[in-house]
């Protein structure tokens, strides 16, 4: 998700970070398109994407075409399910968590994950 010349988008991109620890191999960093299953969020920008555990990213708020009159309150989880035997079989999926009440509308905000035992 984000903004490109044609406006907001809802594609998912992953930066392959193999070799990141070694400065001589930084040229191996590569962006790859990911095609998650499930209902994807609308094209948007100004949202947050917060890693909440090893395999899940919480995507919240943002704006869609229309600027400040189109601020979102959407809350979605992008889940990564690795397949250690076959990298090509790794899976990404969207889901919408159940909440006790509606999330407030937010755009161009900040978010941070604080573990329950912190």
Foldseek 3Di string as FASTA:
>chain_A
DAADPVFFDFWDKDWDCVPVVPVVPRVPTDIDTADADDDTDHRFHQWDWEDQDPFKTWIAWGAGPPPPVGIDGFIKIWGWAQDVVDRVPIHIYIDGDDDPDGGDGDGNDDDYHDDPVD
